[in-house]
Amino acid sequence: KTMLENSNVKITIDCDSIILSFNMFIEDLKICSIKSENRWG
């Protein structure tokens, strides 16, 4: 929880008609990387 309190946050979203990519960084450390089908248009 201490790490999540850090104010240096970056989120990337890259999407095309097929795939949505979501990445989240705290202090430039990647804490999350998700690829999902773009079923939301």
PDB file of all heavy atoms in Angstrom:
ATOM      1  N   LYS A   1       0.836  -1.199   0.000  1.00  0.00           N
ATOM      2  CA  LYS A   1       0.000   0.000   0.000  1.00  0.00           C
ATOM      3  C   LYS A   1       0.872   1.251   0.000  1.00  0.00           C
ATOM      4  O   LYS A   1       0.517   2.255  -0.615  1.00  0.00           O
ATOM      5  CB  LYS A   1      -0.939  -0.013   1.206  1.00  0.00           C
ATOM      6  CG  LYS A   1      -2.007  -1.090   1.106  1.00  0.00           C
ATOM      7  CD  LYS A   1      -2.926  -1.071   2.303  1.00  0.00           C
ATOM      8  CE  LYS A   1      -4.023  -2.111   2.125  1.00  0.00           C
ATOM      9  NZ  LYS A   1      -4.998  -2.051   3.225  1.00  0.00           N
ATOM     10  N   THR A   2       2.015   1.187   0.635  1.00  0.00           N
ATOM     11  CA  THR A   2       2.944   2.322   0.651  1.00  0.00           C
ATOM     12  C   THR A   2       3.382   2.676  -0.775  1.00  0.00           C
ATOM     13  O   THR A   2       3.435   3.851  -1.143  1.00  0.00           O
ATOM     14  CB  THR A   2       4.182   1.996   1.515  1.00  0.00           C
ATOM     15  OG1 THR A   2       3.737   1.666   2.827  1.00  0.00           O
ATOM     16  CG2 THR A   2       5.139   3.166   1.569  1.00  0.00           C
ATOM     17  N   MET A   3       3.669   1.672  -1.575  1.00  0.00           N
ATOM     18  CA  MET A   3       4.067   1.904  -2.972  1.00  0.00           C
ATOM     19  C   MET A   3       2.932   2.587  -3.742  1.00  0.00           C
ATOM     20  O   MET A   3       3.170   3.486  -4.544  1.00  0.00           O
ATOM     21  CB  MET A   3       4.446   0.574  -3.629  1.00  0.00           C
ATOM     22  CG  MET A   3       4.875   0.698  -5.051  1.00  0.00           C
ATOM     23  SD  MET A   3       6.570   1.249  -5.151  1.00  0.00           S
ATOM     24  CE  MET A   3       6.961   0.761  -6.793  1.00  0.00           C
ATOM     25  N   LEU A   4       1.688   2.179  -3.484  1.00  0.00           N
ATOM     26  CA  LEU A   4       0.551   2.763  -4.191  1.00  0.00           C
ATOM     27  C   LEU A   4       0.294   4.222  -3.813  1.00  0.00           C
ATOM     28  O   LEU A   4      -0.383   4.940  -4.545  1.00  0.00           O
ATOM     29  CB  LEU A   4      -0.711   1.926  -3.948  1.00  0.00           C
ATOM     30  CG  LEU A   4      -0.743   0.609  -4.715  1.00  0.00           C
ATOM     31  CD1 LEU A   4      -1.768  -0.342  -4.124  1.00  0.00           C
ATOM     32  CD2 LEU A   4      -1.020   0.855  -6.186  1.00  0.00           C
ATOM     33  N   GLU A   5       0.825   4.658  -2.695  1.00  0.00           N
ATOM     34  CA  GLU A   5       0.673   6.046  -2.275  1.00  0.00           C
ATOM     35  C   GLU A   5       1.609   6.984  -3.023  1.00  0.00           C
ATOM     36  O   GLU A   5       1.474   8.193  -2.956  1.00  0.00           O
ATOM     37  CB  GLU A   5       0.906   6.172  -0.769  1.00  0.00           C
ATOM     38  CG  GLU A   5      -0.174   5.521   0.047  1.00  0.00           C
ATOM     39  CD  GLU A   5       0.115   5.524   1.533  1.00  0.00           C
ATOM     40  OE1 GLU A   5       1.288   5.739   1.924  1.00  0.00           O
ATOM     41  OE2 GLU A   5      -0.823   5.301   2.298  1.00  0.00           O
ATOM     42  N   ASN A   6       2.547   6.436  -3.787  1.00  0.00           N
ATOM     43  CA  ASN A   6       3.500   7.233  -4.549  1.00  0.00           C
ATOM     44  C   ASN A   6       2.766   8.081  -5.589  1.00  0.00           C
ATOM     45  O   ASN A   6       1.855   7.598  -6.251  1.00  0.00           O
ATOM     46  CB  ASN A   6       4.509   6.304  -5.223  1.00  0.00           C
ATOM     47  CG  ASN A   6       5.674   7.038  -5.806  1.00  0.00           C
ATOM     48  OD1 ASN A   6       5.510   7.896  -6.662  1.00  0.00           O
ATOM     49  ND2 ASN A   6       6.859   6.698  -5.352  1.00  0.00           N
ATOM     50  N   SER A   7       3.180   9.316  -5.743  1.00  0.00           N
ATOM     51  CA  SER A   7       2.490  10.218  -6.671  1.00  0.00           C
ATOM     52  C   SER A   7       3.045  10.178  -8.096  1.00  0.00           C
ATOM     53  O   SER A   7       2.510  10.841  -8.982  1.00  0.00           O
ATOM     54  CB  SER A   7       2.556  11.654  -6.139  1.00  0.00           C
ATOM     55  OG  SER A   7       3.905  12.072  -6.065  1.00  0.00           O
ATOM     56  N   ASN A   8       4.110   9.405  -8.342  1.00  0.00           N
ATOM     57  CA  ASN A   8       4.703   9.309  -9.674  1.00  0.00           C
ATOM     58  C   ASN A   8       4.094   8.112 -10.408  1.00  0.00           C
ATOM     59  O   ASN A   8       4.613   7.004 -10.367  1.00  0.00           O
ATOM     60  CB  ASN A   8       6.218   9.170  -9.573  1.00  0.00           C
ATOM     61  CG  ASN A   8       6.901   9.187 -10.922  1.00  0.00           C
ATOM     62  OD1 ASN A   8       6.257   9.298 -11.965  1.00  0.00           O
ATOM     63  ND2 ASN A   8       8.206   9.062 -10.905  1.00  0.00           N
ATOM     64  N   VAL A   9       2.960   8.354 -11.075  1.00  0.00           N
ATOM     65  CA  VAL A   9       2.188   7.283 -11.722  1.00  0.00           C
ATOM     66  C   VAL A   9       2.066   7.575 -13.215  1.00  0.00           C
ATOM     67  O   VAL A   9       1.832   8.711 -13.622  1.00  0.00           O
ATOM     68  CB  VAL A   9       0.772   7.175 -11.108  1.00  0.00           C
ATOM     69  CG1 VAL A   9      -0.055   6.106 -11.806  1.00  0.00           C
ATOM     70  CG2 VAL A   9       0.858   6.906  -9.619  1.00  0.00           C
ATOM     71  N   LYS A  10       2.232   6.529 -14.008  1.00  0.00           N
ATOM     72  CA  LYS A  10       2.026   6.612 -15.453  1.00  0.00           C
ATOM     73  C   LYS A  10       1.159   5.431 -15.879  1.00  0.00           C
ATOM     74  O   LYS A  10       1.350   4.310 -15.399  1.00  0.00           O
ATOM     75  CB  LYS A  10       3.355   6.568 -16.204  1.00  0.00           C
ATOM     76  CG  LYS A  10       4.251   7.758 -15.953  1.00  0.00           C
ATOM     77  CD  LYS A  10       5.599   7.585 -16.618  1.00  0.00           C
ATOM     78  CE  LYS A  10       6.500   8.764 -16.421  1.00  0.00           C
ATOM     79  NZ  LYS A  10       6.920   9.021 -15.064  1.00  0.00           N
ATOM     80  N   ILE A  11       0.226   5.688 -16.784  1.00  0.00           N
ATOM     81  CA  ILE A  11      -0.625   4.635 -17.339  1.00  0.00           C
ATOM     82  C   ILE A  11      -0.593   4.779 -18.847  1.00  0.00           C
ATOM     83  O   ILE A  11      -0.803   5.871 -19.382  1.00  0.00           O
ATOM     84  CB  ILE A  11      -2.081   4.760 -16.841  1.00  0.00           C
ATOM     85  CG1 ILE A  11      -2.134   4.568 -15.326  1.00  0.00           C
ATOM     86  CG2 ILE A  11      -2.981   3.766 -17.554  1.00  0.00           C
ATOM     87  CD1 ILE A  11      -3.474   4.862 -14.705  1.00  0.00           C
ATOM     88  N   THR A  12      -0.278   3.690 -19.546  1.00  0.00           N
ATOM     89  CA  THR A  12      -0.336   3.712 -21.006  1.00  0.00           C
ATOM     90  C   THR A  12      -1.532   2.895 -21.465  1.00  0.00           C
ATOM     91  O   THR A  12      -1.837   1.853 -20.897  1.00  0.00           O
ATOM     92  CB  THR A  12       0.949   3.148 -21.660  1.00  0.00           C
ATOM     93  OG1 THR A  12       1.088   1.775 -21.320  1.00  0.00           O
ATOM     94  CG2 THR A  12       2.168   3.921 -21.223  1.00  0.00           C
ATOM     95  N   ILE A  13      -2.187   3.417 -22.483  1.00  0.00           N
ATOM     96  CA  ILE A  13      -3.296   2.695 -23.116  1.00  0.00           C
ATOM     97  C   ILE A  13      -3.031   2.714 -24.609  1.00  0.00           C
ATOM     98  O   ILE A  13      -2.875   3.772 -25.217  1.00  0.00           O
ATOM     99  CB  ILE A  13      -4.655   3.321 -22.787  1.00  0.00           C
ATOM    100  CG1 ILE A  13      -4.904   3.254 -21.274  1.00  0.00           C
ATOM    101  CG2 ILE A  13      -5.766   2.628 -23.563  1.00  0.00           C
ATOM    102  CD1 ILE A  13      -6.173   3.902 -20.808  1.00  0.00           C
ATOM    103  N   ASP A  14      -2.968   1.531 -25.180  1.00  0.00           N
ATOM    104  CA  ASP A  14      -2.731   1.353 -26.609  1.00  0.00           C
ATOM    105  C   ASP A  14      -3.826   0.412 -27.096  1.00  0.00           C
ATOM    106  O   ASP A  14      -3.993  -0.680 -26.550  1.00  0.00           O
ATOM    107  CB  ASP A  14      -1.343   0.752 -26.834  1.00  0.00           C
ATOM    108  CG  ASP A  14      -0.965   0.671 -28.297  1.00  0.00           C
ATOM    109  OD1 ASP A  14      -1.629   1.299 -29.134  1.00  0.00           O
ATOM    110  OD2 ASP A  14       0.004  -0.045 -28.603  1.00  0.00           O
ATOM    111  N   CYS A  15      -4.573   0.851 -28.092  1.00  0.00           N
ATOM    112  CA  CYS A  15      -5.728   0.061 -28.501  1.00  0.00           C
ATOM    113  C   CYS A  15      -5.888   0.120 -30.012  1.00  0.00           C
ATOM    114  O   CYS A  15      -5.649   1.140 -30.637  1.00  0.00           O
ATOM    115  CB  CYS A  15      -6.972   0.642 -27.818  1.00  0.00           C
ATOM    116  SG  CYS A  15      -8.427  -0.390 -27.954  1.00  0.00           S
ATOM    117  N   ASP A  16      -6.294  -1.003 -30.572  1.00  0.00           N
ATOM    118  CA  ASP A  16      -6.720  -1.042 -31.969  1.00  0.00           C
ATOM    119  C   ASP A  16      -8.076  -1.748 -31.988  1.00  0.00           C
ATOM    120  O   ASP A  16      -8.678  -1.954 -30.940  1.00  0.00           O
ATOM    121  CB  ASP A  16      -5.676  -1.708 -32.867  1.00  0.00           C
ATOM    122  CG  ASP A  16      -5.370  -3.150 -32.503  1.00  0.00           C
ATOM    123  OD1 ASP A  16      -6.230  -3.833 -31.898  1.00  0.00           O
ATOM    124  OD2 ASP A  16      -4.265  -3.626 -32.836  1.00  0.00           O
ATOM    125  N   SER A  17      -8.552  -2.125 -33.131  1.00  0.00           N
ATOM    126  CA  SER A  17      -9.877  -2.742 -33.211  1.00  0.00           C
ATOM    127  C   SER A  17      -9.927  -4.136 -32.583  1.00  0.00           C
ATOM    128  O   SER A  17     -11.004  -4.660 -32.327  1.00  0.00           O
ATOM    129  CB  SER A  17     -10.345  -2.810 -34.662  1.00  0.00           C
ATOM    130  OG  SER A  17      -9.446  -3.615 -35.416  1.00  0.00           O
ATOM    131  N   ILE A  18      -8.760  -4.719 -32.283  1.00  0.00           N
ATOM    132  CA  ILE A  18      -8.724  -6.092 -31.768  1.00  0.00           C
ATOM    133  C   ILE A  18      -8.259  -6.164 -30.316  1.00  0.00           C
ATOM    134  O   ILE A  18      -8.871  -6.836 -29.493  1.00  0.00           O
ATOM    135  CB  ILE A  18      -7.805  -6.969 -32.647  1.00  0.00           C
ATOM    136  CG1 ILE A  18      -8.339  -6.986 -34.080  1.00  0.00           C
ATOM    137  CG2 ILE A  18      -7.708  -8.381 -32.093  1.00  0.00           C
ATOM    138  CD1 ILE A  18      -7.391  -7.573 -35.095  1.00  0.00           C
ATOM    139  N   ILE A  19      -7.176  -5.483 -29.973  1.00  0.00           N
ATOM    140  CA  ILE A  19      -6.528  -5.633 -28.663  1.00  0.00           C
ATOM    141  C   ILE A  19      -6.420  -4.295 -27.932  1.00  0.00           C
ATOM    142  O   ILE A  19      -6.071  -3.279 -28.534  1.00  0.00           O
ATOM    143  CB  ILE A  19      -5.102  -6.220 -28.810  1.00  0.00           C
ATOM    144  CG1 ILE A  19      -5.144  -7.597 -29.465  1.00  0.00           C
ATOM    145  CG2 ILE A  19      -4.378  -6.288 -27.460  1.00  0.00           C
ATOM    146  CD1 ILE A  19      -5.775  -8.687 -28.629  1.00  0.00           C
ATOM    147  N   LEU A  20      -6.681  -4.312 -26.627  1.00  0.00           N
ATOM    148  CA  LEU A  20      -6.434  -3.194 -25.744  1.00  0.00           C
ATOM    149  C   LEU A  20      -5.259  -3.581 -24.851  1.00  0.00           C
ATOM    150  O   LEU A  20      -5.274  -4.650 -24.242  1.00  0.00           O
ATOM    151  CB  LEU A  20      -7.652  -2.888 -24.869  1.00  0.00           C
ATOM    152  CG  LEU A  20      -7.401  -1.807 -23.822  1.00  0.00           C
ATOM    153  CD1 LEU A  20      -8.395  -0.671 -23.995  1.00  0.00           C
ATOM    154  CD2 LEU A  20      -7.484  -2.362 -22.429  1.00  0.00           C
ATOM    155  N   SER A  21      -4.237  -2.726 -24.806  1.00  0.00           N
ATOM    156  CA  SER A  21      -3.090  -2.929 -23.922  1.00  0.00           C
ATOM    157  C   SER A  21      -3.111  -1.843 -22.862  1.00  0.00           C
ATOM    158  O   SER A  21      -3.219  -0.658 -23.185  1.00  0.00           O
ATOM    159  CB  SER A  21      -1.782  -2.848 -24.693  1.00  0.00           C
ATOM    160  OG  SER A  21      -1.694  -3.893 -25.621  1.00  0.00           O
ATOM    161  N   PHE A  22      -2.995  -2.256 -21.615  1.00  0.00           N
ATOM    162  CA  PHE A  22      -3.008  -1.351 -20.465  1.00  0.00           C
ATOM    163  C   PHE A  22      -1.767  -1.644 -19.643  1.00  0.00           C
ATOM    164  O   PHE A  22      -1.517  -2.794 -19.280  1.00  0.00           O
ATOM    165  CB  PHE A  22      -4.270  -1.613 -19.633  1.00  0.00           C
ATOM    166  CG  PHE A  22      -4.328  -0.860 -18.335  1.00  0.00           C
ATOM    167  CD1 PHE A  22      -4.970   0.354 -18.263  1.00  0.00           C
ATOM    168  CD2 PHE A  22      -3.769  -1.393 -17.176  1.00  0.00           C
ATOM    169  CE1 PHE A  22      -5.044   1.042 -17.054  1.00  0.00           C
ATOM    170  CE2 PHE A  22      -3.831  -0.715 -15.971  1.00  0.00           C
ATOM    171  CZ  PHE A  22      -4.471   0.506 -15.908  1.00  0.00           C
ATOM    172  N   ASN A  23      -0.965  -0.625 -19.380  1.00  0.00           N
ATOM    173  CA  ASN A  23       0.230  -0.765 -18.540  1.00  0.00           C
ATOM    174  C   ASN A  23       0.216   0.333 -17.496  1.00  0.00           C
ATOM    175  O   ASN A  23      -0.167   1.467 -17.787  1.00  0.00           O
ATOM    176  CB  ASN A  23       1.506  -0.640 -19.373  1.00  0.00           C
ATOM    177  CG  ASN A  23       1.633  -1.759 -20.368  1.00  0.00           C
ATOM    178  OD1 ASN A  23       1.887  -2.890 -20.006  1.00  0.00           O
ATOM    179  ND2 ASN A  23       1.440  -1.447 -21.650  1.00  0.00           N
ATOM    180  N   MET A  24       0.654  -0.023 -16.290  1.00  0.00           N
ATOM    181  CA  MET A  24       0.723   0.971 -15.222  1.00  0.00           C
ATOM    182  C   MET A  24       2.099   0.919 -14.588  1.00  0.00           C
ATOM    183  O   MET A  24       2.643  -0.164 -14.361  1.00  0.00           O
ATOM    184  CB  MET A  24      -0.356   0.710 -14.176  1.00  0.00           C
ATOM    185  CG  MET A  24      -0.449   1.763 -13.121  1.00  0.00           C
ATOM    186  SD  MET A  24      -1.978   1.584 -12.192  1.00  0.00           S
ATOM    187  CE  MET A  24      -1.569   2.558 -10.753  1.00  0.00           C
ATOM    188  N   PHE A  25       2.657   2.112 -14.335  1.00  0.00           N
ATOM    189  CA  PHE A  25       3.989   2.262 -13.778  1.00  0.00           C
ATOM    190  C   PHE A  25       3.917   3.138 -12.535  1.00  0.00           C
ATOM    191  O   PHE A  25       3.178   4.122 -12.510  1.00  0.00           O
ATOM    192  CB  PHE A  25       4.926   2.954 -14.779  1.00  0.00           C
ATOM    193  CG  PHE A  25       5.033   2.271 -16.104  1.00  0.00           C
ATOM    194  CD1 PHE A  25       4.070   2.464 -17.089  1.00  0.00           C
ATOM    195  CD2 PHE A  25       6.111   1.444 -16.385  1.00  0.00           C
ATOM    196  CE1 PHE A  25       4.172   1.847 -18.323  1.00  0.00           C
ATOM    197  CE2 PHE A  25       6.225   0.819 -17.614  1.00  0.00           C
ATOM    198  CZ  PHE A  25       5.245   1.015 -18.583  1.00  0.00           C
ATOM    199  N   ILE A  26       4.699   2.804 -11.521  1.00  0.00           N
ATOM    200  CA  ILE A  26       4.929   3.680 -10.374  1.00  0.00           C
ATOM    201  C   ILE A  26       6.437   3.855 -10.268  1.00  0.00           C
ATOM    202  O   ILE A  26       7.172   2.865 -10.224  1.00  0.00           O
ATOM    203  CB  ILE A  26       4.340   3.100  -9.074  1.00  0.00           C
ATOM    204  CG1 ILE A  26       2.817   2.992  -9.188  1.00  0.00           C
ATOM    205  CG2 ILE A  26       4.742   3.959  -7.874  1.00  0.00           C
ATOM    206  CD1 ILE A  26       2.127   2.417  -7.970  1.00  0.00           C
ATOM    207  N   GLU A  27       6.874   5.128 -10.263  1.00  0.00           N
ATOM    208  CA  GLU A  27       8.313   5.424 -10.273  1.00  0.00           C
ATOM    209  C   GLU A  27       9.012   4.700 -11.432  1.00  0.00           C
ATOM    210  O   GLU A  27      10.094   4.147 -11.268  1.00  0.00           O
ATOM    211  CB  GLU A  27       8.969   5.045  -8.942  1.00  0.00           C
ATOM    212  CG  GLU A  27       8.598   5.925  -7.793  1.00  0.00           C
ATOM    213  CD  GLU A  27       9.173   7.333  -7.884  1.00  0.00           C
ATOM    214  OE1 GLU A  27      10.174   7.548  -8.583  1.00  0.00           O
ATOM    215  OE2 GLU A  27       8.590   8.211  -7.249  1.00  0.00           O
ATOM    216  N   ASP A  28       8.375   4.648 -12.582  1.00  0.00           N
ATOM    217  CA  ASP A  28       8.880   4.007 -13.799  1.00  0.00           C
ATOM    218  C   ASP A  28       9.062   2.491 -13.674  1.00  0.00           C
ATOM    219  O   ASP A  28       9.651   1.861 -14.552  1.00  0.00           O
ATOM    220  CB  ASP A  28      10.176   4.663 -14.283  1.00  0.00           C
ATOM    221  CG  ASP A  28       9.954   6.105 -14.713  1.00  0.00           C
ATOM    222  OD1 ASP A  28       8.832   6.421 -15.179  1.00  0.00           O
ATOM    223  OD2 ASP A  28      10.876   6.919 -14.593  1.00  0.00           O
ATOM    224  N   LEU A  29       8.542   1.904 -12.611  1.00  0.00           N
ATOM    225  CA  LEU A  29       8.547   0.452 -12.440  1.00  0.00           C
ATOM    226  C   LEU A  29       7.186  -0.080 -12.892  1.00  0.00           C
ATOM    227  O   LEU A  29       6.146   0.344 -12.370  1.00  0.00           O
ATOM    228  CB  LEU A  29       8.782   0.091 -10.966  1.00  0.00           C
ATOM    229  CG  LEU A  29       8.631  -1.384 -10.605  1.00  0.00           C
ATOM    230  CD1 LEU A  29       9.750  -2.211 -11.221  1.00  0.00           C
ATOM    231  CD2 LEU A  29       8.616  -1.542  -9.080  1.00  0.00           C
ATOM    232  N   LYS A  30       7.200  -0.964 -13.892  1.00  0.00           N
ATOM    233  CA  LYS A  30       5.943  -1.506 -14.394  1.00  0.00           C
ATOM    234  C   LYS A  30       5.332  -2.427 -13.335  1.00  0.00           C
ATOM    235  O   LYS A  30       5.935  -3.405 -12.929  1.00  0.00           O
ATOM    236  CB  LYS A  30       6.160  -2.294 -15.688  1.00  0.00           C
ATOM    237  CG  LYS A  30       4.843  -2.733 -16.347  1.00  0.00           C
ATOM    238  CD  LYS A  30       5.052  -3.578 -17.579  1.00  0.00           C
ATOM    239  CE  LYS A  30       5.545  -2.760 -18.737  1.00  0.00           C
ATOM    240  NZ  LYS A  30       5.575  -3.525 -19.995  1.00  0.00           N
ATOM    241  N   ILE A  31       4.116  -2.071 -12.881  1.00  0.00           N
ATOM    242  CA  ILE A  31       3.438  -2.888 -11.882  1.00  0.00           C
ATOM    243  C   ILE A  31       2.273  -3.670 -12.466  1.00  0.00           C
ATOM    244  O   ILE A  31       1.728  -4.552 -11.814  1.00  0.00           O
ATOM    245  CB  ILE A  31       2.946  -2.038 -10.689  1.00  0.00           C
ATOM    246  CG1 ILE A  31       1.894  -1.024 -11.129  1.00  0.00           C
ATOM    247  CG2 ILE A  31       4.115  -1.378  -9.976  1.00  0.00           C
ATOM    248  CD1 ILE A  31       1.113  -0.425  -9.978  1.00  0.00           C
ATOM    249  N   CYS A  32       1.911  -3.354 -13.706  1.00  0.00           N
ATOM    250  CA  CYS A  32       0.767  -4.024 -14.324  1.00  0.00           C
ATOM    251  C   CYS A  32       0.903  -3.976 -15.839  1.00  0.00           C
ATOM    252  O   CYS A  32       1.266  -2.949 -16.403  1.00  0.00           O
ATOM    253  CB  CYS A  32      -0.519  -3.320 -13.895  1.00  0.00           C
ATOM    254  SG  CYS A  32      -2.016  -3.972 -14.637  1.00  0.00           S
ATOM    255  N   SER A  33       0.591  -5.088 -16.482  1.00  0.00           N
ATOM    256  CA  SER A  33       0.556  -5.158 -17.938  1.00  0.00           C
ATOM    257  C   SER A  33      -0.573  -6.102 -18.330  1.00  0.00           C
ATOM    258  O   SER A  33      -0.539  -7.284 -18.005  1.00  0.00           O
ATOM    259  CB  SER A  33       1.888  -5.663 -18.484  1.00  0.00           C
ATOM    260  OG  SER A  33       1.865  -5.695 -19.885  1.00  0.00           O
ATOM    261  N   ILE A  34      -1.571  -5.560 -19.006  1.00  0.00           N
ATOM    262  CA  ILE A  34      -2.749  -6.344 -19.387  1.00  0.00           C
ATOM    263  C   ILE A  34      -2.989  -6.188 -20.880  1.00  0.00           C
ATOM    264  O   ILE A  34      -2.934  -5.080 -21.413  1.00  0.00           O
ATOM    265  CB  ILE A  34      -4.004  -5.860 -18.629  1.00  0.00           C
ATOM    266  CG1 ILE A  34      -3.833  -6.068 -17.136  1.00  0.00           C
ATOM    267  CG2 ILE A  34      -5.254  -6.545 -19.137  1.00  0.00           C
ATOM    268  CD1 ILE A  34      -4.878  -5.380 -16.305  1.00  0.00           C
ATOM    269  N   LYS A  35      -3.255  -7.276 -21.523  1.00  0.00           N
ATOM    270  CA  LYS A  35      -3.734  -7.259 -22.907  1.00  0.00           C
ATOM    271  C   LYS A  35      -5.093  -7.941 -22.883  1.00  0.00           C
ATOM    272  O   LYS A  35      -5.250  -9.014 -22.302  1.00  0.00           O
ATOM    273  CB  LYS A  35      -2.795  -7.994 -23.839  1.00  0.00           C
ATOM    274  CG  LYS A  35      -1.516  -7.231 -24.093  1.00  0.00           C
ATOM    275  CD  LYS A  35      -0.749  -7.828 -25.251  1.00  0.00           C
ATOM    276  CE  LYS A  35       0.580  -7.159 -25.408  1.00  0.00           C
ATOM    277  NZ  LYS A  35       0.581  -6.016 -26.230  1.00  0.00           N
ATOM    278  N   SER A  36      -6.055  -7.281 -23.497  1.00  0.00           N
ATOM    279  CA  SER A  36      -7.423  -7.775 -23.469  1.00  0.00           C
ATOM    280  C   SER A  36      -8.064  -7.580 -24.844  1.00  0.00           C
ATOM    281  O   SER A  36      -7.698  -6.648 -25.565  1.00  0.00           O
ATOM    282  CB  SER A  36      -8.216  -6.995 -22.412  1.00  0.00           C
ATOM    283  OG  SER A  36      -9.547  -7.398 -22.362  1.00  0.00           O
ATOM    284  N   GLU A  37      -8.989  -8.415 -25.162  1.00  0.00           N
ATOM    285  CA  GLU A  37      -9.741  -8.233 -26.399  1.00  0.00           C
ATOM    286  C   GLU A  37     -10.511  -6.924 -26.314  1.00  0.00           C
ATOM    287  O   GLU A  37     -11.117  -6.612 -25.282  1.00  0.00           O
ATOM    288  CB  GLU A  37     -10.711  -9.398 -26.589  1.00  0.00           C
ATOM    289  CG  GLU A  37     -11.536  -9.303 -27.839  1.00  0.00           C
ATOM    290  CD  GLU A  37     -12.543 -10.436 -27.963  1.00  0.00           C
ATOM    291  OE1 GLU A  37     -12.540 -11.352 -27.126  1.00  0.00           O
ATOM    292  OE2 GLU A  37     -13.343 -10.387 -28.903  1.00  0.00           O
ATOM    293  N   ASN A  38     -10.482  -6.134 -27.374  1.00  0.00           N
ATOM    294  CA  ASN A  38     -11.228  -4.867 -27.420  1.00  0.00           C
ATOM    295  C   ASN A  38     -12.672  -5.174 -27.807  1.00  0.00           C
ATOM    296  O   ASN A  38     -13.060  -5.048 -28.951  1.00  0.00           O
ATOM    297  CB  ASN A  38     -10.589  -3.898 -28.418  1.00  0.00           C
ATOM    298  CG  ASN A  38     -11.331  -2.573 -28.478  1.00  0.00           C
ATOM    299  OD1 ASN A  38     -12.248  -2.322 -27.710  1.00  0.00           O
ATOM    300  ND2 ASN A  38     -10.923  -1.728 -29.397  1.00  0.00           N
ATOM    301  N   ARG A  39     -13.449  -5.567 -26.827  1.00  0.00           N
ATOM    302  CA  ARG A  39     -14.861  -5.896 -27.078  1.00  0.00           C
ATOM    303  C   ARG A  39     -15.782  -4.731 -26.729  1.00  0.00           C
ATOM    304  O   ARG A  39     -16.987  -4.891 -26.646  1.00  0.00           O
ATOM    305  CB  ARG A  39     -15.244  -7.157 -26.325  1.00  0.00           C
ATOM    306  CG  ARG A  39     -14.996  -7.135 -24.863  1.00  0.00           C
ATOM    307  CD  ARG A  39     -15.283  -8.505 -24.221  1.00  0.00           C
ATOM    308  NE  ARG A  39     -15.110  -8.458 -22.809  1.00  0.00           N
ATOM    309  CZ  ARG A  39     -13.963  -8.678 -22.163  1.00  0.00           C
ATOM    310  NH1 ARG A  39     -12.892  -8.988 -22.838  1.00  0.00           N
ATOM    311  NH2 ARG A  39     -13.900  -8.591 -20.861  1.00  0.00           N
ATOM    312  N   TRP A  40     -15.183  -3.531 -26.523  1.00  0.00           N
ATOM    313  CA  TRP A  40     -15.954  -2.366 -26.110  1.00  0.00           C
ATOM    314  C   TRP A  40     -16.062  -1.307 -27.194  1.00  0.00           C
ATOM    315  O   TRP A  40     -16.645  -0.253 -26.972  1.00  0.00           O
ATOM    316  CB  TRP A  40     -15.321  -1.750 -24.849  1.00  0.00           C
ATOM    317  CG  TRP A  40     -15.076  -2.783 -23.815  1.00  0.00           C
ATOM    318  CD1 TRP A  40     -16.009  -3.377 -23.003  1.00  0.00           C
ATOM    319  CD2 TRP A  40     -13.827  -3.384 -23.489  1.00  0.00           C
ATOM    320  NE1 TRP A  40     -15.398  -4.298 -22.194  1.00  0.00           N
ATOM    321  CE2 TRP A  40     -14.058  -4.325 -22.469  1.00  0.00           C
ATOM    322  CE3 TRP A  40     -12.532  -3.209 -23.954  1.00  0.00           C
ATOM    323  CZ2 TRP A  40     -13.044  -5.095 -21.912  1.00  0.00           C
ATOM    324  CZ3 TRP A  40     -11.528  -3.978 -23.401  1.00  0.00           C
ATOM    325  CH2 TRP A  40     -11.795  -4.900 -22.388  1.00  0.00           C
ATOM    326  N   GLY A  41     -15.465  -1.523 -28.342  1.00  0.00           N
ATOM    327  CA  GLY A  41     -15.528  -0.544 -29.426  1.00  0.00           C
ATOM    328  C   GLY A  41     -14.658   0.676 -29.211  1.00  0.00           C
ATOM    329  O   GLY A  41     -14.912   1.739 -29.774  1.00  0.00           O
TER     330      GLY A  41
END
